[in-house]
Amino acid sequence: VPPRLPAPAFVDLPLLPRETILDPLLTNRTQALLYGPRGLGKSFVALGIACAVASGGSFLGWKAARPRRVLYVDGEMAADELRQRLLMFGPPPPLLDLMVTDLDVWNSLDLCHRDGILDLASNWGRPELVVIDNLSSLAGHRRGNPDRWHELQRFLLVQRRVGRSMLLV
């Protein structure tokens, strides 16, 4: 149970200010959702954001102050197509890591289950931004669990508390 605080005590708490990751779009501890109809270019935009943050560059007018570790988790695209798209942004930034489910056809990653979350977190290398592309392919594809989003929600809250940004597509 969170502590009950009088408003004046809450206002006086020594909270760390948010640090901009991609101005003005993302800060540390941001949880953002990129949403739109199928085929509109969400994955391309998400990859552009990931490259800008990892390189300390810019994308669509949004600017990163410095390079940061980024993990891009792709659950749907063919590996060769993802590589083509990545190369459209120039040389791949060294601080950008990718987890591409197309390269591991025997295992599926389901972030609505604890084992999927543990698999992801045990292999991600401490990124400051994690891009999950996309929720429909990486969350909740197992059946029979009516509370399937509960684990993912808890995972996202923990990531915010430790200062990690999450971009969900």
N, C-alpha and C. Protein backbone atom coordinates (compact mmCIF):
# COMPACT_ATOMS: atom_id res chain seq x y z
N VAL A 1 0.85 -1.18 0.00
CA VAL A 1 0.00 0.00 0.00
C VAL A 1 0.89 1.24 0.00
N PRO A 2 0.66 2.15 -0.93
CA PRO A 2 1.46 3.38 -0.94
C PRO A 2 1.19 4.21 0.31
N PRO A 3 2.17 4.98 0.74
CA PRO A 3 1.96 5.79 1.95
C PRO A 3 0.94 6.91 1.68
N ARG A 4 0.19 7.25 2.71
CA ARG A 4 -0.74 8.39 2.64
C ARG A 4 0.04 9.62 3.07
N LEU A 5 0.04 10.65 2.23
CA LEU A 5 0.80 11.87 2.52
C LEU A 5 -0.11 13.09 2.43
N PRO A 6 0.02 14.00 3.36
CA PRO A 6 -0.67 15.28 3.19
C PRO A 6 -0.09 16.00 1.97
N ALA A 7 -0.89 16.74 1.27
CA ALA A 7 -0.45 17.41 0.04
C ALA A 7 0.80 18.27 0.25
N PRO A 8 0.91 19.06 1.33
CA PRO A 8 2.13 19.85 1.52
C PRO A 8 3.38 18.96 1.64
N ALA A 9 3.27 17.82 2.31
CA ALA A 9 4.41 16.91 2.44
C ALA A 9 4.76 16.30 1.08
N PHE A 10 3.74 15.99 0.28
CA PHE A 10 3.99 15.44 -1.05
C PHE A 10 4.73 16.44 -1.93
N VAL A 11 4.28 17.70 -1.89
CA VAL A 11 4.91 18.75 -2.70
C VAL A 11 6.36 18.96 -2.27
N ASP A 12 6.69 18.73 -1.01
CA ASP A 12 8.04 18.93 -0.51
C ASP A 12 8.96 17.72 -0.68
N LEU A 13 8.45 16.61 -1.25
CA LEU A 13 9.28 15.42 -1.45
C LEU A 13 10.44 15.74 -2.39
N PRO A 14 11.63 15.21 -2.11
CA PRO A 14 12.78 15.43 -2.99
C PRO A 14 12.74 14.47 -4.19
N LEU A 15 11.90 14.78 -5.17
CA LEU A 15 11.75 13.93 -6.35
C LEU A 15 12.77 14.34 -7.42
N LEU A 16 13.31 13.35 -8.11
CA LEU A 16 14.24 13.64 -9.19
C LEU A 16 13.48 14.19 -10.39
N PRO A 17 13.99 15.23 -11.03
CA PRO A 17 13.32 15.74 -12.22
C PRO A 17 13.48 14.75 -13.38
N ARG A 18 12.54 14.77 -14.28
CA ARG A 18 12.65 13.91 -15.47
C ARG A 18 13.73 14.45 -16.40
N GLU A 19 14.42 13.54 -17.04
CA GLU A 19 15.47 13.90 -17.98
C GLU A 19 14.96 13.64 -19.40
N THR A 20 15.14 14.60 -20.28
CA THR A 20 14.67 14.46 -21.65
C THR A 20 15.52 13.45 -22.41
N ILE A 21 14.83 12.53 -23.08
CA ILE A 21 15.50 11.54 -23.92
C ILE A 21 15.38 11.92 -25.39
N LEU A 22 14.19 12.30 -25.81
CA LEU A 22 13.94 12.76 -27.18
C LEU A 22 12.98 13.94 -27.07
N ASP A 23 13.53 15.14 -27.20
CA ASP A 23 12.79 16.37 -26.95
C ASP A 23 11.85 16.70 -28.11
N PRO A 24 10.60 17.00 -27.85
CA PRO A 24 9.89 17.07 -26.58
C PRO A 24 9.06 15.82 -26.30
N LEU A 25 9.36 14.74 -26.96
CA LEU A 25 8.48 13.57 -26.95
C LEU A 25 8.66 12.63 -25.77
N LEU A 26 9.91 12.30 -25.42
CA LEU A 26 10.17 11.28 -24.40
C LEU A 26 11.09 11.80 -23.31
N THR A 27 10.78 11.42 -22.08
CA THR A 27 11.68 11.65 -20.95
C THR A 27 11.97 10.29 -20.34
N ASN A 28 12.93 10.26 -19.40
CA ASN A 28 13.09 9.01 -18.66
C ASN A 28 11.80 8.79 -17.87
N ARG A 29 11.45 7.58 -17.68
CA ARG A 29 10.22 7.19 -16.98
C ARG A 29 8.95 7.41 -17.81
N THR A 30 9.08 7.71 -19.10
CA THR A 30 7.92 7.85 -19.97
C THR A 30 7.40 6.48 -20.36
N GLN A 31 6.10 6.34 -20.37
CA GLN A 31 5.44 5.19 -20.96
C GLN A 31 4.53 5.73 -22.05
N ALA A 32 4.88 5.47 -23.30
CA ALA A 32 4.13 6.03 -24.42
C ALA A 32 3.56 4.92 -25.28
N LEU A 33 2.46 5.24 -25.94
CA LEU A 33 1.80 4.31 -26.84
C LEU A 33 1.70 4.96 -28.20
N LEU A 34 2.25 4.30 -29.21
CA LEU A 34 2.14 4.75 -30.59
C LEU A 34 1.05 3.90 -31.22
N TYR A 35 -0.05 4.54 -31.58
CA TYR A 35 -1.23 3.82 -32.02
C TYR A 35 -1.73 4.37 -33.36
N GLY A 36 -2.25 3.49 -34.18
CA GLY A 36 -2.87 3.90 -35.43
C GLY A 36 -3.30 2.68 -36.22
N PRO A 37 -3.99 2.91 -37.32
CA PRO A 37 -4.44 1.81 -38.16
C PRO A 37 -3.27 1.01 -38.76
N ARG A 38 -3.54 -0.22 -39.08
CA ARG A 38 -2.53 -1.10 -39.68
C ARG A 38 -2.03 -0.49 -40.99
N GLY A 39 -0.71 -0.57 -41.21
CA GLY A 39 -0.12 -0.13 -42.46
C GLY A 39 0.14 1.36 -42.56
N LEU A 40 -0.01 2.08 -41.47
CA LEU A 40 0.14 3.53 -41.50
C LEU A 40 1.60 3.98 -41.35
N GLY A 41 2.47 3.11 -40.80
CA GLY A 41 3.87 3.46 -40.63
C GLY A 41 4.31 3.54 -39.19
N LYS A 42 3.55 2.95 -38.28
CA LYS A 42 3.91 3.01 -36.85
C LYS A 42 5.27 2.38 -36.59
N SER A 43 5.54 1.23 -37.19
CA SER A 43 6.83 0.56 -36.97
C SER A 43 7.98 1.39 -37.52
N PHE A 44 7.77 2.05 -38.65
CA PHE A 44 8.81 2.90 -39.22
C PHE A 44 9.10 4.07 -38.29
N VAL A 45 8.06 4.69 -37.75
CA VAL A 45 8.23 5.81 -36.82
C VAL A 45 8.94 5.33 -35.55
N ALA A 46 8.51 4.18 -35.02
CA ALA A 46 9.13 3.64 -33.81
C ALA A 46 10.61 3.34 -34.03
N LEU A 47 10.96 2.79 -35.19
CA LEU A 47 12.36 2.51 -35.49
C LEU A 47 13.15 3.81 -35.66
N GLY A 48 12.53 4.82 -36.26
CA GLY A 48 13.18 6.13 -36.38
C GLY A 48 13.45 6.75 -35.02
N ILE A 49 12.49 6.63 -34.11
CA ILE A 49 12.68 7.12 -32.74
C ILE A 49 13.82 6.37 -32.07
N ALA A 50 13.84 5.05 -32.21
CA ALA A 50 14.89 4.23 -31.60
C ALA A 50 16.26 4.63 -32.13
N CYS A 51 16.38 4.82 -33.42
CA CYS A 51 17.67 5.21 -34.01
C CYS A 51 18.10 6.59 -33.54
N ALA A 52 17.17 7.54 -33.47
CA ALA A 52 17.51 8.89 -33.02
C ALA A 52 18.01 8.88 -31.58
N VAL A 53 17.33 8.15 -30.71
CA VAL A 53 17.74 8.09 -29.31
C VAL A 53 19.09 7.39 -29.18
N ALA A 54 19.28 6.29 -29.89
CA ALA A 54 20.53 5.52 -29.78
C ALA A 54 21.73 6.26 -30.37
N SER A 55 21.48 7.11 -31.35
CA SER A 55 22.59 7.82 -31.98
C SER A 55 22.81 9.22 -31.42
N GLY A 56 21.86 9.71 -30.63
CA GLY A 56 21.93 11.09 -30.16
C GLY A 56 21.56 12.06 -31.27
N GLY A 57 20.79 11.58 -32.24
CA GLY A 57 20.41 12.38 -33.39
C GLY A 57 18.99 12.92 -33.28
N SER A 58 18.33 13.02 -34.45
CA SER A 58 16.98 13.54 -34.47
C SER A 58 16.14 12.76 -35.46
N PHE A 59 14.83 12.89 -35.29
CA PHE A 59 13.87 12.24 -36.18
C PHE A 59 12.58 13.05 -36.14
N LEU A 60 12.09 13.45 -37.31
CA LEU A 60 10.86 14.22 -37.43
C LEU A 60 10.85 15.48 -36.55
N GLY A 61 12.02 16.08 -36.38
CA GLY A 61 12.13 17.29 -35.58
C GLY A 61 12.34 17.06 -34.10
N TRP A 62 12.22 15.82 -33.65
CA TRP A 62 12.48 15.48 -32.25
C TRP A 62 13.98 15.23 -32.11
N LYS A 63 14.59 15.75 -31.06
CA LYS A 63 16.04 15.69 -30.92
C LYS A 63 16.46 15.01 -29.62
N ALA A 64 17.49 14.18 -29.74
CA ALA A 64 18.08 13.55 -28.56
C ALA A 64 19.32 14.35 -28.16
N ALA A 65 19.45 14.64 -26.89
CA ALA A 65 20.58 15.43 -26.41
C ALA A 65 21.89 14.63 -26.46
N ARG A 66 21.77 13.32 -26.28
CA ARG A 66 22.96 12.46 -26.30
C ARG A 66 22.53 11.04 -26.62
N PRO A 67 23.45 10.21 -27.07
CA PRO A 67 23.11 8.80 -27.35
C PRO A 67 22.77 8.05 -26.06
N ARG A 68 21.82 7.13 -26.16
CA ARG A 68 21.40 6.30 -25.04
C ARG A 68 21.19 4.87 -25.52
N ARG A 69 21.30 3.92 -24.58
CA ARG A 69 21.07 2.52 -24.91
C ARG A 69 19.58 2.30 -25.19
N VAL A 70 19.29 1.67 -26.32
CA VAL A 70 17.92 1.41 -26.75
C VAL A 70 17.80 -0.06 -27.13
N LEU A 71 16.69 -0.66 -26.74
CA LEU A 71 16.35 -2.01 -27.18
C LEU A 71 15.07 -1.93 -27.98
N TYR A 72 15.12 -2.45 -29.20
CA TYR A 72 13.95 -2.52 -30.08
C TYR A 72 13.54 -3.98 -30.17
N VAL A 73 12.35 -4.30 -29.65
CA VAL A 73 11.84 -5.67 -29.65
C VAL A 73 10.78 -5.77 -30.74
N ASP A 74 11.08 -6.55 -31.77
CA ASP A 74 10.14 -6.71 -32.88
C ASP A 74 9.50 -8.08 -32.81
N GLY A 75 8.18 -8.11 -32.83
CA GLY A 75 7.47 -9.37 -32.72
C GLY A 75 6.76 -9.80 -33.98
N GLU A 76 6.95 -9.08 -35.08
CA GLU A 76 6.10 -9.36 -36.22
C GLU A 76 6.81 -9.30 -37.57
N MET A 77 7.73 -8.38 -37.74
CA MET A 77 8.31 -8.14 -39.05
C MET A 77 9.34 -9.21 -39.43
N ALA A 78 9.43 -9.48 -40.71
CA ALA A 78 10.46 -10.38 -41.22
C ALA A 78 11.82 -9.72 -40.99
N ALA A 79 12.80 -10.51 -40.60
CA ALA A 79 14.12 -9.98 -40.26
C ALA A 79 14.76 -9.21 -41.41
N ASP A 80 14.64 -9.70 -42.63
CA ASP A 80 15.25 -9.01 -43.77
C ASP A 80 14.59 -7.65 -44.03
N GLU A 81 13.27 -7.56 -43.83
CA GLU A 81 12.58 -6.29 -44.00
C GLU A 81 12.99 -5.30 -42.90
N LEU A 82 13.11 -5.79 -41.67
CA LEU A 82 13.54 -4.93 -40.58
C LEU A 82 14.95 -4.40 -40.84
N ARG A 83 15.84 -5.25 -41.35
CA ARG A 83 17.20 -4.79 -41.67
C ARG A 83 17.16 -3.71 -42.73
N GLN A 84 16.35 -3.89 -43.78
CA GLN A 84 16.23 -2.87 -44.83
C GLN A 84 15.78 -1.53 -44.25
N ARG A 85 14.78 -1.59 -43.39
CA ARG A 85 14.27 -0.35 -42.78
C ARG A 85 15.32 0.30 -41.89
N LEU A 86 16.01 -0.49 -41.12
CA LEU A 86 17.05 0.04 -40.23
C LEU A 86 18.12 0.78 -41.03
N LEU A 87 18.53 0.21 -42.15
CA LEU A 87 19.58 0.82 -42.97
C LEU A 87 19.11 2.11 -43.64
N MET A 88 17.80 2.33 -43.74
CA MET A 88 17.28 3.59 -44.30
C MET A 88 17.65 4.78 -43.43
N PHE A 89 17.94 4.53 -42.15
CA PHE A 89 18.28 5.60 -41.22
C PHE A 89 19.78 5.86 -41.17
N GLY A 90 20.55 5.19 -42.00
CA GLY A 90 22.00 5.38 -42.03
C GLY A 90 22.70 4.25 -41.30
N PRO A 91 23.97 4.46 -40.95
CA PRO A 91 24.71 3.41 -40.24
C PRO A 91 24.02 3.07 -38.92
N PRO A 92 23.88 1.78 -38.61
CA PRO A 92 23.20 1.40 -37.37
C PRO A 92 23.94 1.91 -36.13
N PRO A 93 23.23 2.57 -35.22
CA PRO A 93 23.88 3.08 -34.02
C PRO A 93 24.35 1.94 -33.12
N PRO A 94 25.57 2.02 -32.59
CA PRO A 94 26.08 0.95 -31.73
C PRO A 94 25.31 0.76 -30.43
N LEU A 95 24.58 1.78 -29.99
CA LEU A 95 23.81 1.66 -28.74
C LEU A 95 22.39 1.11 -28.97
N LEU A 96 22.09 0.73 -30.20
CA LEU A 96 20.78 0.15 -30.52
C LEU A 96 20.92 -1.37 -30.62
N ASP A 97 20.19 -2.07 -29.75
CA ASP A 97 20.12 -3.53 -29.81
C ASP A 97 18.74 -3.92 -30.30
N LEU A 98 18.67 -5.07 -30.97
CA LEU A 98 17.40 -5.56 -31.47
C LEU A 98 17.15 -6.98 -30.99
N MET A 99 15.92 -7.25 -30.64
CA MET A 99 15.45 -8.61 -30.38
C MET A 99 14.39 -8.86 -31.44
N VAL A 100 14.66 -9.77 -32.35
CA VAL A 100 13.80 -10.00 -33.50
C VAL A 100 13.24 -11.40 -33.41
N THR A 101 11.95 -11.50 -33.16
CA THR A 101 11.36 -12.83 -32.97
C THR A 101 11.40 -13.67 -34.23
N ASP A 102 11.50 -13.05 -35.38
CA ASP A 102 11.60 -13.80 -36.63
C ASP A 102 12.87 -14.66 -36.68
N LEU A 103 13.87 -14.31 -35.89
CA LEU A 103 15.12 -15.07 -35.86
C LEU A 103 15.05 -16.28 -34.92
N ASP A 104 13.97 -16.40 -34.17
CA ASP A 104 13.81 -17.52 -33.22
C ASP A 104 12.40 -18.08 -33.35
N VAL A 105 12.19 -18.89 -34.38
CA VAL A 105 10.83 -19.36 -34.68
C VAL A 105 10.29 -20.36 -33.67
N TRP A 106 11.14 -20.92 -32.83
CA TRP A 106 10.70 -21.94 -31.90
C TRP A 106 10.17 -21.36 -30.58
N ASN A 107 10.57 -20.18 -30.26
CA ASN A 107 10.14 -19.57 -29.01
C ASN A 107 9.31 -18.33 -29.29
N SER A 108 8.27 -18.15 -28.53
CA SER A 108 7.47 -16.94 -28.66
C SER A 108 7.60 -16.14 -27.37
N LEU A 109 7.60 -14.85 -27.53
CA LEU A 109 7.72 -13.95 -26.39
C LEU A 109 6.35 -13.39 -26.09
N ASP A 110 5.82 -13.66 -24.90
CA ASP A 110 4.51 -13.14 -24.50
C ASP A 110 4.71 -12.31 -23.24
N LEU A 111 4.60 -11.00 -23.38
CA LEU A 111 4.86 -10.09 -22.28
C LEU A 111 3.69 -9.95 -21.31
N CYS A 112 2.65 -10.71 -21.51
CA CYS A 112 1.55 -10.74 -20.54
C CYS A 112 1.72 -11.89 -19.56
N HIS A 113 2.85 -12.58 -19.66
CA HIS A 113 3.13 -13.68 -18.75
C HIS A 113 4.50 -13.48 -18.13
N ARG A 114 4.59 -13.85 -16.90
CA ARG A 114 5.81 -13.62 -16.13
C ARG A 114 7.05 -14.22 -16.80
N ASP A 115 6.94 -15.43 -17.34
CA ASP A 115 8.10 -16.04 -17.98
C ASP A 115 8.56 -15.25 -19.20
N GLY A 116 7.64 -14.67 -19.96
CA GLY A 116 8.01 -13.83 -21.10
C GLY A 116 8.71 -12.56 -20.67
N ILE A 117 8.20 -11.95 -19.62
CA ILE A 117 8.82 -10.74 -19.07
C ILE A 117 10.22 -11.04 -18.56
N LEU A 118 10.38 -12.15 -17.85
CA LEU A 118 11.70 -12.53 -17.35
C LEU A 118 12.67 -12.84 -18.48
N ASP A 119 12.19 -13.51 -19.53
CA ASP A 119 13.04 -13.78 -20.70
C ASP A 119 13.53 -12.48 -21.32
N LEU A 120 12.63 -11.52 -21.47
CA LEU A 120 13.01 -10.23 -22.04
C LEU A 120 14.03 -9.52 -21.15
N ALA A 121 13.69 -9.35 -19.88
CA ALA A 121 14.54 -8.57 -18.97
C ALA A 121 15.89 -9.22 -18.72
N SER A 122 15.97 -10.54 -18.80
CA SER A 122 17.24 -11.20 -18.54
C SER A 122 18.21 -11.06 -19.72
N ASN A 123 17.72 -10.61 -20.86
CA ASN A 123 18.57 -10.53 -22.06
C ASN A 123 18.68 -9.14 -22.65
N TRP A 124 18.22 -8.11 -21.95
CA TRP A 124 18.12 -6.84 -22.66
C TRP A 124 19.27 -5.87 -22.46
N GLY A 125 20.20 -6.10 -21.56
CA GLY A 125 21.40 -5.27 -21.47
C GLY A 125 21.21 -3.88 -20.91
N ARG A 126 20.26 -3.65 -20.05
CA ARG A 126 20.04 -2.40 -19.33
C ARG A 126 19.79 -1.18 -20.24
N PRO A 127 18.79 -1.25 -21.11
CA PRO A 127 18.49 -0.10 -21.97
C PRO A 127 17.81 1.02 -21.19
N GLU A 128 17.94 2.23 -21.72
CA GLU A 128 17.23 3.37 -21.15
C GLU A 128 15.86 3.55 -21.81
N LEU A 129 15.74 3.05 -23.04
CA LEU A 129 14.47 3.07 -23.77
C LEU A 129 14.25 1.68 -24.36
N VAL A 130 13.04 1.15 -24.17
CA VAL A 130 12.65 -0.12 -24.78
C VAL A 130 11.46 0.16 -25.68
N VAL A 131 11.58 -0.27 -26.94
CA VAL A 131 10.49 -0.14 -27.90
C VAL A 131 9.91 -1.53 -28.11
N ILE A 132 8.63 -1.69 -27.83
CA ILE A 132 7.94 -2.96 -28.00
C ILE A 132 7.06 -2.83 -29.25
N ASP A 133 7.43 -3.53 -30.31
CA ASP A 133 6.72 -3.43 -31.59
C ASP A 133 6.29 -4.82 -32.05
N ASN A 134 5.14 -5.21 -31.87
CA ASN A 134 3.98 -4.49 -31.41
C ASN A 134 3.23 -5.31 -30.37
N LEU A 135 2.35 -4.67 -29.66
CA LEU A 135 1.63 -5.33 -28.57
C LEU A 135 0.78 -6.50 -29.05
N SER A 136 0.18 -6.38 -30.22
CA SER A 136 -0.69 -7.46 -30.68
C SER A 136 0.08 -8.75 -30.93
N SER A 137 1.36 -8.65 -31.23
CA SER A 137 2.15 -9.86 -31.47
C SER A 137 3.01 -10.27 -30.28
N LEU A 138 3.19 -9.38 -29.31
CA LEU A 138 4.08 -9.68 -28.18
C LEU A 138 3.38 -9.73 -26.82
N ALA A 139 2.07 -9.53 -26.81
CA ALA A 139 1.38 -9.52 -25.52
C ALA A 139 0.01 -10.17 -25.63
N GLY A 140 -0.18 -11.20 -24.84
CA GLY A 140 -1.50 -11.79 -24.70
C GLY A 140 -1.90 -12.80 -25.74
N HIS A 141 -0.94 -13.41 -26.42
CA HIS A 141 -1.34 -14.37 -27.44
C HIS A 141 -1.62 -15.76 -26.89
N ARG A 142 -1.32 -16.00 -25.61
CA ARG A 142 -1.71 -17.26 -24.98
C ARG A 142 -3.16 -17.16 -24.54
N ARG A 143 -3.86 -18.26 -24.58
CA ARG A 143 -5.29 -18.22 -24.24
C ARG A 143 -5.54 -18.71 -22.83
N GLY A 144 -6.73 -18.42 -22.35
CA GLY A 144 -7.18 -18.96 -21.08
C GLY A 144 -6.83 -18.14 -19.86
N ASN A 145 -6.36 -16.90 -20.04
CA ASN A 145 -6.01 -16.07 -18.90
C ASN A 145 -6.73 -14.74 -19.01
N PRO A 146 -7.86 -14.59 -18.28
CA PRO A 146 -8.63 -13.35 -18.39
C PRO A 146 -7.90 -12.13 -17.84
N ASP A 147 -6.91 -12.32 -16.97
CA ASP A 147 -6.16 -11.20 -16.41
C ASP A 147 -4.80 -11.05 -17.09
N ARG A 148 -4.74 -11.33 -18.37
CA ARG A 148 -3.46 -11.39 -19.06
C ARG A 148 -2.69 -10.08 -19.08
N TRP A 149 -3.35 -8.96 -18.95
CA TRP A 149 -2.65 -7.68 -19.01
C TRP A 149 -2.08 -7.26 -17.65
N HIS A 150 -2.47 -7.95 -16.60
CA HIS A 150 -2.04 -7.59 -15.25
C HIS A 150 -0.51 -7.63 -15.12
N GLU A 151 0.12 -8.68 -15.59
CA GLU A 151 1.58 -8.81 -15.49
C GLU A 151 2.30 -7.73 -16.31
N LEU A 152 1.80 -7.45 -17.50
CA LEU A 152 2.41 -6.42 -18.33
C LEU A 152 2.29 -5.05 -17.67
N GLN A 153 1.13 -4.76 -17.12
CA GLN A 153 0.94 -3.47 -16.45
C GLN A 153 1.91 -3.32 -15.28
N ARG A 154 2.05 -4.35 -14.48
CA ARG A 154 2.98 -4.30 -13.34
C ARG A 154 4.42 -4.11 -13.84
N PHE A 155 4.79 -4.83 -14.89
CA PHE A 155 6.12 -4.70 -15.48
C PHE A 155 6.38 -3.26 -15.93
N LEU A 156 5.41 -2.65 -16.59
CA LEU A 156 5.58 -1.28 -17.06
C LEU A 156 5.74 -0.30 -15.90
N LEU A 157 4.98 -0.48 -14.84
CA LEU A 157 5.11 0.39 -13.67
C LEU A 157 6.49 0.26 -13.03
N VAL A 158 7.00 -0.96 -12.96
CA VAL A 158 8.35 -1.17 -12.41
C VAL A 158 9.38 -0.45 -13.28
N GLN A 159 9.23 -0.53 -14.60
CA GLN A 159 10.19 0.13 -15.49
C GLN A 159 10.19 1.64 -15.28
N ARG A 160 9.02 2.22 -15.09
CA ARG A 160 8.97 3.66 -14.82
C ARG A 160 9.67 3.99 -13.52
N ARG A 161 9.46 3.18 -12.50
CA ARG A 161 10.08 3.44 -11.20
C ARG A 161 11.59 3.38 -11.26
N VAL A 162 12.15 2.54 -12.12
CA VAL A 162 13.61 2.47 -12.23
C VAL A 162 14.17 3.45 -13.24
N GLY A 163 13.31 4.27 -13.84
CA GLY A 163 13.78 5.31 -14.75
C GLY A 163 13.88 4.91 -16.20
N ARG A 164 13.32 3.77 -16.57
CA ARG A 164 13.39 3.30 -17.96
C ARG A 164 12.15 3.75 -18.72
N SER A 165 12.34 4.19 -19.94
CA SER A 165 11.23 4.61 -20.80
C SER A 165 10.78 3.43 -21.65
N MET A 166 9.48 3.38 -21.90
CA MET A 166 8.89 2.30 -22.69
C MET A 166 8.03 2.93 -23.78
N LEU A 167 8.25 2.52 -25.02
CA LEU A 167 7.42 2.93 -26.14
C LEU A 167 6.74 1.69 -26.69
N LEU A 168 5.43 1.65 -26.58
CA LEU A 168 4.64 0.51 -27.01
C LEU A 168 3.95 0.85 -28.32
N VAL A 169 4.05 -0.05 -29.29
CA VAL A 169 3.42 0.15 -30.59
C VAL A 169 2.20 -0.74 -30.67
